[in-house]
Amino acid sequence: VQLVESGGGLVQAGGPLTLSCAASGRTFSRY
């Protein structure tokens, strides 16, 4: 399984942020 994260950055305390992880490959994981 190949995994690529995105969405990180600089944010002020109290703020929101969303991280994504795209998975690819012929076989996927259980979790």
ModelCIF file with pLDDT and N, C-alpha, C, O atoms, coordinates in Angstrom:
data_MODEL
#
_entry.id   MODEL 
#
_entity.id                         1 
_entity.type                       polymer 
_entity.pdbx_number_of_molecules   1 
#
_entity_poly.entity_id                      1 
_entity_poly.type                           'polypeptide(L)' 
_entity_poly.nstd_linkage                   no 
_entity_poly.nstd_monomer                   no 
_entity_poly.pdbx_seq_one_letter_code       VQLVESGGGLVQAGGPLTLSCAASGRTFSRY 
_entity_poly.pdbx_seq_one_letter_code_can   VQLVESGGGLVQAGGPLTLSCAASGRTFSRY 
_entity_poly.pdbx_strand_id                 A 
#
loop_
_entity_poly_seq.entity_id 
_entity_poly_seq.num 
_entity_poly_seq.mon_id 
_entity_poly_seq.hetero 
1 1  VAL n 
1 2  GLN n 
1 3  LEU n 
1 4  VAL n 
1 5  GLU n 
1 6  SER n 
1 7  GLY n 
1 8  GLY n 
1 9  GLY n 
1 10 LEU n 
1 11 VAL n 
1 12 GLN n 
1 13 ALA n 
1 14 GLY n 
1 15 GLY n 
1 16 PRO n 
1 17 LEU n 
1 18 THR n 
1 19 LEU n 
1 20 SER n 
1 21 CYS n 
1 22 ALA n 
1 23 ALA n 
1 24 SER n 
1 25 GLY n 
1 26 ARG n 
1 27 THR n 
1 28 PHE n 
1 29 SER n 
1 30 ARG n 
1 31 TYR n 
#
_struct_asym.id          A 
_struct_asym.entity_id   1 
#
loop_
_ma_qa_metric.id 
_ma_qa_metric.mode 
_ma_qa_metric.name 
_ma_qa_metric.software_group_id 
_ma_qa_metric.type 
1 global pLDDT . pLDDT 
2 local  pLDDT . pLDDT 
#
_ma_qa_metric_global.metric_id      1 
_ma_qa_metric_global.metric_value   91.39 
_ma_qa_metric_global.model_id       1 
_ma_qa_metric_global.ordinal_id     1 
#
loop_
_ma_qa_metric_local.label_asym_id 
_ma_qa_metric_local.label_comp_id 
_ma_qa_metric_local.label_seq_id 
_ma_qa_metric_local.metric_id 
_ma_qa_metric_local.metric_value 
_ma_qa_metric_local.model_id 
_ma_qa_metric_local.ordinal_id 
A VAL 1  2 85.00 1 1  
A GLN 2  2 92.00 1 2  
A LEU 3  2 95.00 1 3  
A VAL 4  2 95.00 1 4  
A GLU 5  2 97.00 1 5  
A SER 6  2 97.00 1 6  
A GLY 7  2 98.00 1 7  
A GLY 8  2 98.00 1 8  
A GLY 9  2 98.00 1 9  
A LEU 10 2 98.00 1 10 
A VAL 11 2 98.00 1 11 
A GLN 12 2 97.00 1 12 
A ALA 13 2 98.00 1 13 
A GLY 14 2 98.00 1 14 
A GLY 15 2 96.00 1 15 
A PRO 16 2 98.00 1 16 
A LEU 17 2 98.00 1 17 
A THR 18 2 98.00 1 18 
A LEU 19 2 98.00 1 19 
A SER 20 2 98.00 1 20 
A CYS 21 2 97.00 1 21 
A ALA 22 2 95.00 1 22 
A ALA 23 2 92.00 1 23 
A SER 24 2 90.00 1 24 
A GLY 25 2 79.00 1 25 
A ARG 26 2 59.00 1 26 
A THR 27 2 59.00 1 27 
A PHE 28 2 65.00 1 28 
A SER 29 2 83.00 1 29 
A ARG 30 2 91.00 1 30 
A TYR 31 2 93.00 1 31 
#
loop_
_atom_site.group_PDB 
_atom_site.id 
_atom_site.type_symbol 
_atom_site.label_atom_id 
_atom_site.label_alt_id 
_atom_site.label_comp_id 
_atom_site.label_asym_id 
_atom_site.label_entity_id 
_atom_site.label_seq_id 
_atom_site.pdbx_PDB_ins_code 
_atom_site.Cartn_x 
_atom_site.Cartn_y 
_atom_site.Cartn_z 
_atom_site.occupancy 
_atom_site.B_iso_or_equiv 
_atom_site.pdbx_formal_charge 
_atom_site.auth_seq_id 
_atom_site.auth_comp_id 
_atom_site.auth_asym_id 
_atom_site.auth_atom_id 
_atom_site.pdbx_PDB_model_num 
ATOM 1   N N  . VAL A 1 1  ? 0.847  -1.180 0.000  1.00 85.00 ? 1  VAL A N  1 
ATOM 2   C CA . VAL A 1 1  ? 0.000  0.000  0.000  1.00 85.00 ? 1  VAL A CA 1 
ATOM 3   C C  . VAL A 1 1  ? 0.888  1.238  0.000  1.00 85.00 ? 1  VAL A C  1 
ATOM 4   O O  . VAL A 1 1  ? 1.791  1.371  0.826  1.00 85.00 ? 1  VAL A O  1 
ATOM 5   N N  . GLN A 1 2  ? 0.619  2.136  -0.935 1.00 92.00 ? 2  GLN A N  1 
ATOM 6   C CA . GLN A 1 2  ? 1.316  3.410  -0.995 1.00 92.00 ? 2  GLN A CA 1 
ATOM 7   C C  . GLN A 1 2  ? 0.431  4.487  -0.377 1.00 92.00 ? 2  GLN A C  1 
ATOM 8   O O  . GLN A 1 2  ? -0.758 4.570  -0.687 1.00 92.00 ? 2  GLN A O  1 
ATOM 9   N N  . LEU A 1 3  ? 1.005  5.307  0.492  1.00 95.00 ? 3  LEU A N  1 
ATOM 10  C CA . LEU A 1 3  ? 0.256  6.319  1.225  1.00 95.00 ? 3  LEU A CA 1 
ATOM 11  C C  . LEU A 1 3  ? 0.894  7.687  1.029  1.00 95.00 ? 3  LEU A C  1 
ATOM 12  O O  . LEU A 1 3  ? 2.112  7.837  1.129  1.00 95.00 ? 3  LEU A O  1 
ATOM 13  N N  . VAL A 1 4  ? 0.060  8.679  0.751  1.00 95.00 ? 4  VAL A N  1 
ATOM 14  C CA . VAL A 1 4  ? 0.527  10.045 0.554  1.00 95.00 ? 4  VAL A CA 1 
ATOM 15  C C  . VAL A 1 4  ? -0.340 10.983 1.371  1.00 95.00 ? 4  VAL A C  1 
ATOM 16  O O  . VAL A 1 4  ? -1.540 11.098 1.125  1.00 95.00 ? 4  VAL A O  1 
ATOM 17  N N  . GLU A 1 5  ? 0.271  11.661 2.355  1.00 97.00 ? 5  GLU A N  1 
ATOM 18  C CA . GLU A 1 5  ? -0.443 12.617 3.191  1.00 97.00 ? 5  GLU A CA 1 
ATOM 19  C C  . GLU A 1 5  ? -0.414 14.005 2.564  1.00 97.00 ? 5  GLU A C  1 
ATOM 20  O O  . GLU A 1 5  ? 0.492  14.344 1.802  1.00 97.00 ? 5  GLU A O  1 
ATOM 21  N N  . SER A 1 6  ? -1.424 14.798 2.901  1.00 97.00 ? 6  SER A N  1 
ATOM 22  C CA . SER A 1 6  ? -1.478 16.185 2.482  1.00 97.00 ? 6  SER A CA 1 
ATOM 23  C C  . SER A 1 6  ? -2.340 16.955 3.466  1.00 97.00 ? 6  SER A C  1 
ATOM 24  O O  . SER A 1 6  ? -3.077 16.361 4.253  1.00 97.00 ? 6  SER A O  1 
ATOM 25  N N  . GLY A 1 7  ? -2.246 18.276 3.422  1.00 98.00 ? 7  GLY A N  1 
ATOM 26  C CA . GLY A 1 7  ? -3.095 19.133 4.238  1.00 98.00 ? 7  GLY A CA 1 
ATOM 27  C C  . GLY A 1 7  ? -2.417 19.790 5.415  1.00 98.00 ? 7  GLY A C  1 
ATOM 28  O O  . GLY A 1 7  ? -3.031 20.616 6.089  1.00 98.00 ? 7  GLY A O  1 
ATOM 29  N N  . GLY A 1 8  ? -1.173 19.452 5.684  1.00 98.00 ? 8  GLY A N  1 
ATOM 30  C CA . GLY A 1 8  ? -0.471 20.072 6.793  1.00 98.00 ? 8  GLY A CA 1 
ATOM 31  C C  . GLY A 1 8  ? -0.140 21.521 6.510  1.00 98.00 ? 8  GLY A C  1 
ATOM 32  O O  . GLY A 1 8  ? -0.213 21.980 5.370  1.00 98.00 ? 8  GLY A O  1 
ATOM 33  N N  . GLY A 1 9  ? 0.226  22.237 7.562  1.00 98.00 ? 9  GLY A N  1 
ATOM 34  C CA . GLY A 1 9  ? 0.573  23.633 7.411  1.00 98.00 ? 9  GLY A CA 1 
ATOM 35  C C  . GLY A 1 9  ? 0.632  24.338 8.741  1.00 98.00 ? 9  GLY A C  1 
ATOM 36  O O  . GLY A 1 9  ? 0.644  23.704 9.796  1.00 98.00 ? 9  GLY A O  1 
ATOM 37  N N  . LEU A 1 10 ? 0.669  25.669 8.685  1.00 98.00 ? 10 LEU A N  1 
ATOM 38  C CA . LEU A 1 10 ? 0.721  26.518 9.868  1.00 98.00 ? 10 LEU A CA 1 
ATOM 39  C C  . LEU A 1 10 ? -0.681 26.995 10.212 1.00 98.00 ? 10 LEU A C  1 
ATOM 40  O O  . LEU A 1 10 ? -1.405 27.490 9.348  1.00 98.00 ? 10 LEU A O  1 
ATOM 41  N N  . VAL A 1 11 ? -1.061 26.845 11.478 1.00 98.00 ? 11 VAL A N  1 
ATOM 42  C CA . VAL A 1 11 ? -2.384 27.244 11.927 1.00 98.00 ? 11 VAL A CA 1 
ATOM 43  C C  . VAL A 1 11 ? -2.283 27.816 13.331 1.00 98.00 ? 11 VAL A C  1 
ATOM 44  O O  . VAL A 1 11 ? -1.448 27.380 14.123 1.00 98.00 ? 11 VAL A O  1 
ATOM 45  N N  . GLN A 1 12 ? -3.126 28.786 13.642 1.00 97.00 ? 12 GLN A N  1 
ATOM 46  C CA . GLN A 1 12 ? -3.153 29.367 14.979 1.00 97.00 ? 12 GLN A CA 1 
ATOM 47  C C  . GLN A 1 12 ? -3.834 28.436 15.964 1.00 97.00 ? 12 GLN A C  1 
ATOM 48  O O  . GLN A 1 12 ? -4.689 27.634 15.588 1.00 97.00 ? 12 GLN A O  1 
ATOM 49  N N  . ALA A 1 13 ? -3.451 28.547 17.223 1.00 98.00 ? 13 ALA A N  1 
ATOM 50  C CA . ALA A 1 13 ? -4.075 27.749 18.270 1.00 98.00 ? 13 ALA A CA 1 
ATOM 51  C C  . ALA A 1 13 ? -5.586 27.948 18.260 1.00 98.00 ? 13 ALA A C  1 
ATOM 52  O O  . ALA A 1 13 ? -6.082 29.067 18.130 1.00 98.00 ? 13 ALA A O  1 
ATOM 53  N N  . GLY A 1 14 ? -6.302 26.842 18.400 1.00 98.00 ? 14 GLY A N  1 
ATOM 54  C CA . GLY A 1 14 ? -7.752 26.875 18.380 1.00 98.00 ? 14 GLY A CA 1 
ATOM 55  C C  . GLY A 1 14 ? -8.353 26.643 17.020 1.00 98.00 ? 14 GLY A C  1 
ATOM 56  O O  . GLY A 1 14 ? -9.550 26.382 16.906 1.00 98.00 ? 14 GLY A O  1 
ATOM 57  N N  . GLY A 1 15 ? -7.546 26.733 15.988 1.00 96.00 ? 15 GLY A N  1 
ATOM 58  C CA . GLY A 1 15 ? -8.049 26.605 14.644 1.00 96.00 ? 15 GLY A CA 1 
ATOM 59  C C  . GLY A 1 15 ? -8.199 25.173 14.197 1.00 96.00 ? 15 GLY A C  1 
ATOM 60  O O  . GLY A 1 15 ? -7.718 24.252 14.857 1.00 96.00 ? 15 GLY A O  1 
ATOM 61  N N  . PRO A 1 16 ? -8.873 24.983 13.068 1.00 98.00 ? 16 PRO A N  1 
ATOM 62  C CA . PRO A 1 16 ? -9.051 23.660 12.491 1.00 98.00 ? 16 PRO A CA 1 
ATOM 63  C C  . PRO A 1 16 ? -8.060 23.383 11.369 1.00 98.00 ? 16 PRO A C  1 
ATOM 64  O O  . PRO A 1 16 ? -7.481 24.298 10.784 1.00 98.00 ? 16 PRO A O  1 
ATOM 65  N N  . LEU A 1 17 ? -7.886 22.125 11.092 1.00 98.00 ? 17 LEU A N  1 
ATOM 66  C CA . LEU A 1 17 ? -7.058 21.682 9.984  1.00 98.00 ? 17 LEU A CA 1 
ATOM 67  C C  . LEU A 1 17 ? -7.513 20.289 9.589  1.00 98.00 ? 17 LEU A C  1 
ATOM 68  O O  . LEU A 1 17 ? -7.889 19.487 10.445 1.00 98.00 ? 17 LEU A O  1 
ATOM 69  N N  . THR A 1 18 ? -7.482 20.003 8.311  1.00 98.00 ? 18 THR A N  1 
ATOM 70  C CA . THR A 1 18 ? -7.871 18.696 7.810  1.00 98.00 ? 18 THR A CA 1 
ATOM 71  C C  . THR A 1 18 ? -6.711 18.052 7.078  1.00 98.00 ? 18 THR A C  1 
ATOM 72  O O  . THR A 1 18 ? -6.135 18.648 6.168  1.00 98.00 ? 18 THR A O  1 
ATOM 73  N N  . LEU A 1 19 ? -6.371 16.847 7.471  1.00 98.00 ? 19 LEU A N  1 
ATOM 74  C CA . LEU A 1 19 ? -5.327 16.073 6.822  1.00 98.00 ? 19 LEU A CA 1 
ATOM 75  C C  . LEU A 1 19 ? -5.957 14.964 5.998  1.00 98.00 ? 19 LEU A C  1 
ATOM 76  O O  . LEU A 1 19 ? -6.957 14.368 6.399  1.00 98.00 ? 19 LEU A O  1 
ATOM 77  N N  . SER A 1 20 ? -5.369 14.695 4.854  1.00 98.00 ? 20 SER A N  1 
ATOM 78  C CA . SER A 1 20 ? -5.837 13.630 3.979  1.00 98.00 ? 20 SER A CA 1 
ATOM 79  C C  . SER A 1 20 ? -4.718 12.645 3.718  1.00 98.00 ? 20 SER A C  1 
ATOM 80  O O  . SER A 1 20 ? -3.541 13.005 3.715  1.00 98.00 ? 20 SER A O  1 
ATOM 81  N N  . CYS A 1 21 ? -5.095 11.412 3.502  1.00 97.00 ? 21 CYS A N  1 
ATOM 82  C CA . CYS A 1 21 ? -4.144 10.359 3.181  1.00 97.00 ? 21 CYS A CA 1 
ATOM 83  C C  . CYS A 1 21 ? -4.725 9.526  2.055  1.00 97.00 ? 21 CYS A C  1 
ATOM 84  O O  . CYS A 1 21 ? -5.720 8.824  2.238  1.00 97.00 ? 21 CYS A O  1 
ATOM 85  N N  . ALA A 1 22 ? -4.107 9.605  0.902  1.00 95.00 ? 22 ALA A N  1 
ATOM 86  C CA . ALA A 1 22 ? -4.553 8.854  -0.264 1.00 95.00 ? 22 ALA A CA 1 
ATOM 87  C C  . ALA A 1 22 ? -3.773 7.549  -0.354 1.00 95.00 ? 22 ALA A C  1 
ATOM 88  O O  . ALA A 1 22 ? -2.542 7.546  -0.332 1.00 95.00 ? 22 ALA A O  1 
ATOM 89  N N  . ALA A 1 23 ? -4.497 6.447  -0.454 1.00 92.00 ? 23 ALA A N  1 
ATOM 90  C CA . ALA A 1 23 ? -3.897 5.126  -0.520 1.00 92.00 ? 23 ALA A CA 1 
ATOM 91  C C  . ALA A 1 23 ? -4.032 4.558  -1.919 1.00 92.00 ? 23 ALA A C  1 
ATOM 92  O O  . ALA A 1 23 ? -5.051 4.744  -2.584 1.00 92.00 ? 23 ALA A O  1 
ATOM 93  N N  . SER A 1 24 ? -3.009 3.873  -2.352 1.00 90.00 ? 24 SER A N  1 
ATOM 94  C CA . SER A 1 24 ? -3.038 3.225  -3.656 1.00 90.00 ? 24 SER A CA 1 
ATOM 95  C C  . SER A 1 24 ? -2.286 1.906  -3.588 1.00 90.00 ? 24 SER A C  1 
ATOM 96  O O  . SER A 1 24 ? -1.504 1.666  -2.668 1.00 90.00 ? 24 SER A O  1 
ATOM 97  N N  . GLY A 1 25 ? -2.534 1.064  -4.568 1.00 79.00 ? 25 GLY A N  1 
ATOM 98  C CA . GLY A 1 25 ? -1.913 -0.242 -4.607 1.00 79.00 ? 25 GLY A CA 1 
ATOM 99  C C  . GLY A 1 25 ? -2.940 -1.319 -4.893 1.00 79.00 ? 25 GLY A C  1 
ATOM 100 O O  . GLY A 1 25 ? -4.140 -1.116 -4.707 1.00 79.00 ? 25 GLY A O  1 
ATOM 101 N N  . ARG A 1 26 ? -2.467 -2.444 -5.340 1.00 59.00 ? 26 ARG A N  1 
ATOM 102 C CA . ARG A 1 26 ? -3.370 -3.527 -5.717 1.00 59.00 ? 26 ARG A CA 1 
ATOM 103 C C  . ARG A 1 26 ? -3.957 -4.235 -4.507 1.00 59.00 ? 26 ARG A C  1 
ATOM 104 O O  . ARG A 1 26 ? -5.020 -4.845 -4.613 1.00 59.00 ? 26 ARG A O  1 
ATOM 105 N N  . THR A 1 27 ? -3.296 -4.169 -3.366 1.00 59.00 ? 27 THR A N  1 
ATOM 106 C CA . THR A 1 27 ? -3.782 -4.761 -2.130 1.00 59.00 ? 27 THR A CA 1 
ATOM 107 C C  . THR A 1 27 ? -3.954 -3.687 -1.075 1.00 59.00 ? 27 THR A C  1 
ATOM 108 O O  . THR A 1 27 ? -3.039 -2.903 -0.823 1.00 59.00 ? 27 THR A O  1 
ATOM 109 N N  . PHE A 1 28 ? -5.125 -3.650 -0.459 1.00 65.00 ? 28 PHE A N  1 
ATOM 110 C CA . PHE A 1 28 ? -5.388 -2.650 0.560  1.00 65.00 ? 28 PHE A CA 1 
ATOM 111 C C  . PHE A 1 28 ? -5.380 -3.285 1.946  1.00 65.00 ? 28 PHE A C  1 
ATOM 112 O O  . PHE A 1 28 ? -5.423 -4.507 2.090  1.00 65.00 ? 28 PHE A O  1 
ATOM 113 N N  . SER A 1 29 ? -5.325 -2.439 2.946  1.00 83.00 ? 29 SER A N  1 
ATOM 114 C CA . SER A 1 29 ? -5.196 -2.879 4.323  1.00 83.00 ? 29 SER A CA 1 
ATOM 115 C C  . SER A 1 29 ? -6.560 -3.069 4.970  1.00 83.00 ? 29 SER A C  1 
ATOM 116 O O  . SER A 1 29 ? -7.585 -2.693 4.401  1.00 83.00 ? 29 SER A O  1 
ATOM 117 N N  . ARG A 1 30 ? -6.565 -3.660 6.174  1.00 91.00 ? 30 ARG A N  1 
ATOM 118 C CA . ARG A 1 30 ? -7.789 -3.820 6.937  1.00 91.00 ? 30 ARG A CA 1 
ATOM 119 C C  . ARG A 1 30 ? -8.134 -2.562 7.719  1.00 91.00 ? 30 ARG A C  1 
ATOM 120 O O  . ARG A 1 30 ? -9.300 -2.321 8.032  1.00 91.00 ? 30 ARG A O  1 
ATOM 121 N N  . TYR A 1 31 ? -7.125 -1.760 8.035  1.00 93.00 ? 31 TYR A N  1 
ATOM 122 C CA . TYR A 1 31 ? -7.358 -0.552 8.796  1.00 93.00 ? 31 TYR A CA 1 
ATOM 123 C C  . TYR A 1 31 ? -6.290 0.473  8.467  1.00 93.00 ? 31 TYR A C  1 
ATOM 124 O O  . TYR A 1 31 ? -6.306 1.578  9.011  1.00 93.00 ? 31 TYR A O  1 
#
